[in-house]
Amino acid sequence: MAVRIRMMRMGRKNRPFYRIGAFDAHEERDGMAIENLGTYDPMESNSEKQVTLKRERVDYWLSVGAKPTETVASIFKKLGIAFKK
């Protein structure tokens, strides 16, 4: 099973909020996650509170071959999480 680390949109209209999770690659955008790994709130003004992650679980999923999407990869890069391209 191919696993992707990507975002699932939550929140209301004009107020997005995202859950970052591990998904089967064939699952739809707002489908069921294998595991929730954290959250991303782009409307939060404090950059430290924008992203919350379970670092040990993210490291686990990356170690078993899960690939992040481009957006999640850019978030990981800002936080200093290393992964293979």
PDB file of N, CA and C in Angstrom:
ATOM      1  N   MET A   1       0.849  -1.178   0.000  1.00  0.00           N
ATOM      2  CA  MET A   1       0.000   0.000   0.000  1.00  0.00           C
ATOM      3  C   MET A   1       0.894   1.240   0.000  1.00  0.00           C
ATOM      4  N   ALA A   2       0.645   2.140  -0.938  1.00  0.00           N
ATOM      5  CA  ALA A   2       1.389   3.396  -1.011  1.00  0.00           C
ATOM      6  C   ALA A   2       0.762   4.404  -0.058  1.00  0.00           C
ATOM      7  N   VAL A   3       1.606   5.002   0.770  1.00  0.00           N
ATOM      8  CA  VAL A   3       1.118   5.953   1.778  1.00  0.00           C
ATOM      9  C   VAL A   3       1.655   7.338   1.460  1.00  0.00           C
ATOM     10  N   ARG A   4       0.773   8.334   1.534  1.00  0.00           N
ATOM     11  CA  ARG A   4       1.143   9.729   1.334  1.00  0.00           C
ATOM     12  C   ARG A   4       0.837  10.503   2.612  1.00  0.00           C
ATOM     13  N   ILE A   5       1.681  11.463   2.936  1.00  0.00           N
ATOM     14  CA  ILE A   5       1.401  12.375   4.041  1.00  0.00           C
ATOM     15  C   ILE A   5       0.853  13.638   3.402  1.00  0.00           C
ATOM     16  N   ARG A   6      -0.404  13.932   3.673  1.00  0.00           N
ATOM     17  CA  ARG A   6      -1.045  15.080   3.036  1.00  0.00           C
ATOM     18  C   ARG A   6      -2.045  15.730   3.979  1.00  0.00           C
ATOM     19  N   MET A   7      -2.701  16.779   3.493  1.00  0.00           N
ATOM     20  CA  MET A   7      -3.620  17.540   4.324  1.00  0.00           C
ATOM     21  C   MET A   7      -5.074  17.236   3.978  1.00  0.00           C
ATOM     22  N   MET A   8      -5.914  17.290   5.001  1.00  0.00           N
ATOM     23  CA  MET A   8      -7.349  17.130   4.843  1.00  0.00           C
ATOM     24  C   MET A   8      -7.987  18.442   5.289  1.00  0.00           C
ATOM     25  N   ARG A   9      -8.809  19.046   4.421  1.00  0.00           N
ATOM     26  CA  ARG A   9      -9.383  20.348   4.723  1.00  0.00           C
ATOM     27  C   ARG A   9     -10.525  20.223   5.717  1.00  0.00           C
ATOM     28  N   MET A  10     -10.476  21.089   6.716  1.00  0.00           N
ATOM     29  CA  MET A  10     -11.521  21.176   7.721  1.00  0.00           C
ATOM     30  C   MET A  10     -11.923  22.653   7.794  1.00  0.00           C
ATOM     31  N   GLY A  11     -12.642  23.035   8.816  1.00  0.00           N
ATOM     32  CA  GLY A  11     -13.003  24.439   8.996  1.00  0.00           C
ATOM     33  C   GLY A  11     -14.240  24.807   8.215  1.00  0.00           C
ATOM     34  N   ARG A  12     -14.482  26.089   8.127  1.00  0.00           N
ATOM     35  CA  ARG A  12     -15.671  26.561   7.425  1.00  0.00           C
ATOM     36  C   ARG A  12     -15.267  27.391   6.207  1.00  0.00           C
ATOM     37  N   LYS A  13     -16.238  27.913   5.511  1.00  0.00           N
ATOM     38  CA  LYS A  13     -15.968  28.695   4.317  1.00  0.00           C
ATOM     39  C   LYS A  13     -15.182  29.954   4.681  1.00  0.00           C
ATOM     40  N   ASN A  14     -14.153  30.258   3.900  1.00  0.00           N
ATOM     41  CA  ASN A  14     -13.275  31.407   4.110  1.00  0.00           C
ATOM     42  C   ASN A  14     -12.490  31.341   5.417  1.00  0.00           C
ATOM     43  N   ARG A  15     -12.435  30.197   6.066  1.00  0.00           N
ATOM     44  CA  ARG A  15     -11.663  30.006   7.305  1.00  0.00           C
ATOM     45  C   ARG A  15     -11.090  28.584   7.292  1.00  0.00           C
ATOM     46  N   PRO A  16     -10.088  28.337   6.422  1.00  0.00           N
ATOM     47  CA  PRO A  16      -9.574  26.971   6.294  1.00  0.00           C
ATOM     48  C   PRO A  16      -8.773  26.531   7.517  1.00  0.00           C
ATOM     49  N   PHE A  17      -8.783  25.248   7.745  1.00  0.00           N
ATOM     50  CA  PHE A  17      -8.019  24.586   8.795  1.00  0.00           C
ATOM     51  C   PHE A  17      -7.720  23.196   8.258  1.00  0.00           C
ATOM     52  N   TYR A  18      -6.513  22.723   8.420  1.00  0.00           N
ATOM     53  CA  TYR A  18      -6.129  21.452   7.825  1.00  0.00           C
ATOM     54  C   TYR A  18      -5.606  20.484   8.880  1.00  0.00           C
ATOM     55  N   ARG A  19      -5.921  19.207   8.699  1.00  0.00           N
ATOM     56  CA  ARG A  19      -5.313  18.135   9.475  1.00  0.00           C
ATOM     57  C   ARG A  19      -4.280  17.481   8.579  1.00  0.00           C
ATOM     58  N   ILE A  20      -3.105  17.263   9.111  1.00  0.00           N
ATOM     59  CA  ILE A  20      -2.051  16.570   8.387  1.00  0.00           C
ATOM     60  C   ILE A  20      -2.109  15.112   8.810  1.00  0.00           C
ATOM     61  N   GLY A  21      -2.145  14.225   7.833  1.00  0.00           N
ATOM     62  CA  GLY A  21      -2.286  12.814   8.172  1.00  0.00           C
ATOM     63  C   GLY A  21      -1.629  11.895   7.165  1.00  0.00           C
ATOM     64  N   ALA A  22      -1.531  10.638   7.548  1.00  0.00           N
ATOM     65  CA  ALA A  22      -1.044   9.593   6.654  1.00  0.00           C
ATOM     66  C   ALA A  22      -2.258   8.954   5.986  1.00  0.00           C
ATOM     67  N   PHE A  23      -2.286   8.961   4.670  1.00  0.00           N
ATOM     68  CA  PHE A  23      -3.406   8.464   3.886  1.00  0.00           C
ATOM     69  C   PHE A  23      -2.933   7.427   2.895  1.00  0.00           C
ATOM     70  N   ASP A  24      -3.821   6.495   2.550  1.00  0.00           N
ATOM     71  CA  ASP A  24      -3.584   5.624   1.415  1.00  0.00           C
ATOM     72  C   ASP A  24      -3.566   6.528   0.185  1.00  0.00           C
ATOM     73  N   ALA A  25      -2.650   6.302  -0.736  1.00  0.00           N
ATOM     74  CA  ALA A  25      -2.491   7.177  -1.897  1.00  0.00           C
ATOM     75  C   ALA A  25      -3.754   7.240  -2.766  1.00  0.00           C
ATOM     76  N   HIS A  26      -4.607   6.232  -2.693  1.00  0.00           N
ATOM     77  CA  HIS A  26      -5.799   6.201  -3.529  1.00  0.00           C
ATOM     78  C   HIS A  26      -7.033   6.762  -2.822  1.00  0.00           C
ATOM     79  N   GLU A  27      -6.881   7.188  -1.592  1.00  0.00           N
ATOM     80  CA  GLU A  27      -7.993   7.750  -0.815  1.00  0.00           C
ATOM     81  C   GLU A  27      -8.265   9.182  -1.283  1.00  0.00           C
ATOM     82  N   GLU A  28      -9.531   9.594  -1.253  1.00  0.00           N
ATOM     83  CA  GLU A  28      -9.892  10.947  -1.666  1.00  0.00           C
ATOM     84  C   GLU A  28      -9.373  11.982  -0.666  1.00  0.00           C
ATOM     85  N   ARG A  29      -9.411  13.264  -1.057  1.00  0.00           N
ATOM     86  CA  ARG A  29      -8.817  14.326  -0.249  1.00  0.00           C
ATOM     87  C   ARG A  29      -9.358  14.358   1.171  1.00  0.00           C
ATOM     88  N   ASP A  30     -10.647  14.290   1.340  1.00  0.00           N
ATOM     89  CA  ASP A  30     -11.244  14.352   2.662  1.00  0.00           C
ATOM     90  C   ASP A  30     -11.654  12.967   3.163  1.00  0.00           C
ATOM     91  N   GLY A  31     -10.987  11.951   2.662  1.00  0.00           N
ATOM     92  CA  GLY A  31     -11.286  10.586   3.075  1.00  0.00           C
ATOM     93  C   GLY A  31     -10.695  10.263   4.436  1.00  0.00           C
ATOM     94  N   MET A  32     -10.808   9.009   4.801  1.00  0.00           N
ATOM     95  CA  MET A  32     -10.367   8.578   6.118  1.00  0.00           C
ATOM     96  C   MET A  32      -8.847   8.413   6.167  1.00  0.00           C
ATOM     97  N   ALA A  33      -8.235   8.973   7.193  1.00  0.00           N
ATOM     98  CA  ALA A  33      -6.790   8.895   7.367  1.00  0.00           C
ATOM     99  C   ALA A  33      -6.413   7.610   8.086  1.00  0.00           C
ATOM    100  N   ILE A  34      -5.237   7.093   7.774  1.00  0.00           N
ATOM    101  CA  ILE A  34      -4.704   5.965   8.526  1.00  0.00           C
ATOM    102  C   ILE A  34      -4.351   6.439   9.929  1.00  0.00           C
ATOM    103  N   GLU A  35      -3.721   7.632   9.990  1.00  0.00           N
ATOM    104  CA  GLU A  35      -3.352   8.214  11.274  1.00  0.00           C
ATOM    105  C   GLU A  35      -3.242   9.731  11.121  1.00  0.00           C
ATOM    106  N   ASN A  36      -3.783  10.475  12.093  1.00  0.00           N
ATOM    107  CA  ASN A  36      -3.629  11.923  12.106  1.00  0.00           C
ATOM    108  C   ASN A  36      -2.306  12.271  12.758  1.00  0.00           C
ATOM    109  N   LEU A  37      -1.535  13.123  12.063  1.00  0.00           N
ATOM    110  CA  LEU A  37      -0.191  13.458  12.524  1.00  0.00           C
ATOM    111  C   LEU A  37      -0.071  14.870  13.069  1.00  0.00           C
ATOM    112  N   GLY A  38      -1.051  15.721  12.825  1.00  0.00           N
ATOM    113  CA  GLY A  38      -0.971  17.086  13.321  1.00  0.00           C
ATOM    114  C   GLY A  38      -1.966  17.986  12.626  1.00  0.00           C
ATOM    115  N   THR A  39      -1.783  19.295  12.817  1.00  0.00           N
ATOM    116  CA  THR A  39      -2.687  20.275  12.231  1.00  0.00           C
ATOM    117  C   THR A  39      -1.894  21.421  11.618  1.00  0.00           C
ATOM    118  N   TYR A  40      -2.552  22.152  10.692  1.00  0.00           N
ATOM    119  CA  TYR A  40      -1.989  23.343  10.071  1.00  0.00           C
ATOM    120  C   TYR A  40      -3.099  24.371   9.974  1.00  0.00           C
ATOM    121  N   ASP A  41      -2.877  25.542  10.575  1.00  0.00           N
ATOM    122  CA  ASP A  41      -3.860  26.625  10.562  1.00  0.00           C
ATOM    123  C   ASP A  41      -3.239  27.834   9.869  1.00  0.00           C
ATOM    124  N   PRO A  42      -3.506  28.039   8.567  1.00  0.00           N
ATOM    125  CA  PRO A  42      -2.880  29.149   7.842  1.00  0.00           C
ATOM    126  C   PRO A  42      -3.381  30.526   8.282  1.00  0.00           C
ATOM    127  N   MET A  43      -4.496  30.602   8.982  1.00  0.00           N
ATOM    128  CA  MET A  43      -5.041  31.884   9.411  1.00  0.00           C
ATOM    129  C   MET A  43      -4.443  32.351  10.745  1.00  0.00           C
ATOM    130  N   GLU A  44      -3.704  31.505  11.423  1.00  0.00           N
ATOM    131  CA  GLU A  44      -3.086  31.848  12.709  1.00  0.00           C
ATOM    132  C   GLU A  44      -1.962  32.853  12.478  1.00  0.00           C
ATOM    133  N   SER A  45      -1.972  33.955  13.225  1.00  0.00           N
ATOM    134  CA  SER A  45      -0.963  34.991  13.036  1.00  0.00           C
ATOM    135  C   SER A  45       0.376  34.617  13.671  1.00  0.00           C
ATOM    136  N   ASN A  46       0.354  33.852  14.745  1.00  0.00           N
ATOM    137  CA  ASN A  46       1.571  33.420  15.406  1.00  0.00           C
ATOM    138  C   ASN A  46       2.140  32.212  14.660  1.00  0.00           C
ATOM    139  N   SER A  47       3.322  32.368  14.067  1.00  0.00           N
ATOM    140  CA  SER A  47       3.876  31.308  13.229  1.00  0.00           C
ATOM    141  C   SER A  47       4.217  30.049  14.031  1.00  0.00           C
ATOM    142  N   GLU A  48       4.476  30.172  15.320  1.00  0.00           N
ATOM    143  CA  GLU A  48       4.770  29.005  16.142  1.00  0.00           C
ATOM    144  C   GLU A  48       3.539  28.135  16.372  1.00  0.00           C
ATOM    145  N   LYS A  49       2.359  28.747  16.345  1.00  0.00           N
ATOM    146  CA  LYS A  49       1.117  28.008  16.578  1.00  0.00           C
ATOM    147  C   LYS A  49       0.454  27.537  15.286  1.00  0.00           C
ATOM    148  N   GLN A  50       1.011  27.912  14.130  1.00  0.00           N
ATOM    149  CA  GLN A  50       0.412  27.531  12.857  1.00  0.00           C
ATOM    150  C   GLN A  50       0.433  26.031  12.649  1.00  0.00           C
ATOM    151  N   VAL A  51       1.530  25.381  12.993  1.00  0.00           N
ATOM    152  CA  VAL A  51       1.702  23.954  12.746  1.00  0.00           C
ATOM    153  C   VAL A  51       1.950  23.229  14.052  1.00  0.00           C
ATOM    154  N   THR A  52       1.186  22.159  14.277  1.00  0.00           N
ATOM    155  CA  THR A  52       1.454  21.256  15.392  1.00  0.00           C
ATOM    156  C   THR A  52       1.603  19.855  14.812  1.00  0.00           C
ATOM    157  N   LEU A  53       2.660  19.172  15.203  1.00  0.00           N
ATOM    158  CA  LEU A  53       2.933  17.840  14.674  1.00  0.00           C
ATOM    159  C   LEU A  53       3.333  16.881  15.775  1.00  0.00           C
ATOM    160  N   LYS A  54       3.035  15.610  15.544  1.00  0.00           N
ATOM    161  CA  LYS A  54       3.561  14.526  16.379  1.00  0.00           C
ATOM    162  C   LYS A  54       4.856  14.080  15.692  1.00  0.00           C
ATOM    163  N   ARG A  55       5.983  14.667  16.118  1.00  0.00           N
ATOM    164  CA  ARG A  55       7.248  14.473  15.420  1.00  0.00           C
ATOM    165  C   ARG A  55       7.667  13.004  15.325  1.00  0.00           C
ATOM    166  N   GLU A  56       7.507  12.246  16.409  1.00  0.00           N
ATOM    167  CA  GLU A  56       7.955  10.853  16.371  1.00  0.00           C
ATOM    168  C   GLU A  56       7.130  10.027  15.387  1.00  0.00           C
ATOM    169  N   ARG A  57       5.846  10.324  15.254  1.00  0.00           N
ATOM    170  CA  ARG A  57       5.003   9.589  14.300  1.00  0.00           C
ATOM    171  C   ARG A  57       5.304  10.015  12.863  1.00  0.00           C
ATOM    172  N   VAL A  58       5.599  11.310  12.654  1.00  0.00           N
ATOM    173  CA  VAL A  58       5.991  11.769  11.320  1.00  0.00           C
ATOM    174  C   VAL A  58       7.287  11.079  10.910  1.00  0.00           C
ATOM    175  N   ASP A  59       8.255  11.028  11.819  1.00  0.00           N
ATOM    176  CA  ASP A  59       9.522  10.350  11.530  1.00  0.00           C
ATOM    177  C   ASP A  59       9.294   8.871  11.213  1.00  0.00           C
ATOM    178  N   TYR A  60       8.374   8.236  11.944  1.00  0.00           N
ATOM    179  CA  TYR A  60       8.071   6.831  11.682  1.00  0.00           C
ATOM    180  C   TYR A  60       7.524   6.651  10.265  1.00  0.00           C
ATOM    181  N   TRP A  61       6.543   7.444   9.890  1.00  0.00           N
ATOM    182  CA  TRP A  61       5.934   7.276   8.569  1.00  0.00           C
ATOM    183  C   TRP A  61       6.926   7.573   7.453  1.00  0.00           C
ATOM    184  N   LEU A  62       7.792   8.559   7.659  1.00  0.00           N
ATOM    185  CA  LEU A  62       8.815   8.838   6.653  1.00  0.00           C
ATOM    186  C   LEU A  62       9.816   7.690   6.565  1.00  0.00           C
ATOM    187  N   SER A  63      10.113   7.050   7.700  1.00  0.00           N
ATOM    188  CA  SER A  63      11.078   5.950   7.693  1.00  0.00           C
ATOM    189  C   SER A  63      10.548   4.706   6.994  1.00  0.00           C
ATOM    190  N   VAL A  64       9.233   4.506   6.992  1.00  0.00           N
ATOM    191  CA  VAL A  64       8.676   3.328   6.318  1.00  0.00           C
ATOM    192  C   VAL A  64       8.300   3.610   4.867  1.00  0.00           C
ATOM    193  N   GLY A  65       8.622   4.823   4.374  1.00  0.00           N
ATOM    194  CA  GLY A  65       8.459   5.089   2.949  1.00  0.00           C
ATOM    195  C   GLY A  65       7.295   5.972   2.550  1.00  0.00           C
ATOM    196  N   ALA A  66       6.596   6.584   3.494  1.00  0.00           N
ATOM    197  CA  ALA A  66       5.506   7.494   3.135  1.00  0.00           C
ATOM    198  C   ALA A  66       6.089   8.743   2.488  1.00  0.00           C
ATOM    199  N   LYS A  67       5.432   9.226   1.448  1.00  0.00           N
ATOM    200  CA  LYS A  67       5.924  10.397   0.729  1.00  0.00           C
ATOM    201  C   LYS A  67       5.004  11.588   0.999  1.00  0.00           C
ATOM    202  N   PRO A  68       5.570  12.726   1.412  1.00  0.00           N
ATOM    203  CA  PRO A  68       4.744  13.913   1.630  1.00  0.00           C
ATOM    204  C   PRO A  68       4.393  14.591   0.302  1.00  0.00           C
ATOM    205  N   THR A  69       3.234  15.258   0.277  1.00  0.00           N
ATOM    206  CA  THR A  69       2.878  16.054  -0.887  1.00  0.00           C
ATOM    207  C   THR A  69       3.767  17.294  -0.914  1.00  0.00           C
ATOM    208  N   GLU A  70       3.725  18.060  -1.999  1.00  0.00           N
ATOM    209  CA  GLU A  70       4.579  19.244  -2.123  1.00  0.00           C
ATOM    210  C   GLU A  70       4.317  20.244  -1.002  1.00  0.00           C
ATOM    211  N   THR A  71       3.050  20.468  -0.674  1.00  0.00           N
ATOM    212  CA  THR A  71       2.705  21.431   0.364  1.00  0.00           C
ATOM    213  C   THR A  71       3.196  20.965   1.728  1.00  0.00           C
ATOM    214  N   VAL A  72       2.973  19.719   2.042  1.00  0.00           N
ATOM    215  CA  VAL A  72       3.427  19.171   3.323  1.00  0.00           C
ATOM    216  C   VAL A  72       4.950  19.145   3.362  1.00  0.00           C
ATOM    217  N   ALA A  73       5.602  18.859   2.232  1.00  0.00           N
ATOM    218  CA  ALA A  73       7.060  18.857   2.179  1.00  0.00           C
ATOM    219  C   ALA A  73       7.615  20.250   2.480  1.00  0.00           C
ATOM    220  N   SER A  74       6.947  21.294   1.996  1.00  0.00           N
ATOM    221  CA  SER A  74       7.417  22.653   2.281  1.00  0.00           C
ATOM    222  C   SER A  74       7.235  22.995   3.762  1.00  0.00           C
ATOM    223  N   ILE A  75       6.178  22.498   4.379  1.00  0.00           N
ATOM    224  CA  ILE A  75       5.978  22.701   5.814  1.00  0.00           C
ATOM    225  C   ILE A  75       7.067  21.973   6.594  1.00  0.00           C
ATOM    226  N   PHE A  76       7.367  20.731   6.197  1.00  0.00           N
ATOM    227  CA  PHE A  76       8.424  19.960   6.854  1.00  0.00           C
ATOM    228  C   PHE A  76       9.770  20.659   6.717  1.00  0.00           C
ATOM    229  N   LYS A  77      10.031  21.229   5.540  1.00  0.00           N
ATOM    230  CA  LYS A  77      11.293  21.914   5.301  1.00  0.00           C
ATOM    231  C   LYS A  77      11.435  23.121   6.228  1.00  0.00           C
ATOM    232  N   LYS A  78      10.357  23.872   6.429  1.00  0.00           N
ATOM    233  CA  LYS A  78      10.388  25.029   7.335  1.00  0.00           C
ATOM    234  C   LYS A  78      10.646  24.606   8.770  1.00  0.00           C
ATOM    235  N   LEU A  79      10.150  23.417   9.143  1.00  0.00           N
ATOM    236  CA  LEU A  79      10.326  22.920  10.502  1.00  0.00           C
ATOM    237  C   LEU A  79      11.627  22.142  10.688  1.00  0.00           C
ATOM    238  N   GLY A  80      12.346  21.894   9.600  1.00  0.00           N
ATOM    239  CA  GLY A  80      13.621  21.204   9.689  1.00  0.00           C
ATOM    240  C   GLY A  80      13.507  19.690   9.767  1.00  0.00           C
ATOM    241  N   ILE A  81      12.413  19.140   9.232  1.00  0.00           N
ATOM    242  CA  ILE A  81      12.239  17.691   9.201  1.00  0.00           C
ATOM    243  C   ILE A  81      12.835  17.174   7.898  1.00  0.00           C
ATOM    244  N   ALA A  82      13.810  16.289   7.998  1.00  0.00           N
ATOM    245  CA  ALA A  82      14.499  15.766   6.821  1.00  0.00           C
ATOM    246  C   ALA A  82      13.748  14.567   6.261  1.00  0.00           C
ATOM    247  N   PHE A  83      13.694  14.472   4.945  1.00  0.00           N
ATOM    248  CA  PHE A  83      13.057  13.343   4.276  1.00  0.00           C
ATOM    249  C   PHE A  83      13.709  13.152   2.917  1.00  0.00           C
ATOM    250  N   LYS A  84      13.584  11.948   2.368  1.00  0.00           N
ATOM    251  CA  LYS A  84      14.133  11.656   1.045  1.00  0.00           C
ATOM    252  C   LYS A  84      13.180  12.136  -0.020  1.00  0.00           C
ATOM    253  N   LYS A  85      13.731  12.675  -1.104  1.00  0.00           N
ATOM    254  CA  LYS A  85      12.885  13.114  -2.217  1.00  0.00           C
ATOM    255  C   LYS A  85      12.709  12.003  -3.203  1.00  0.00           C
TER     256      LYS A  85
END
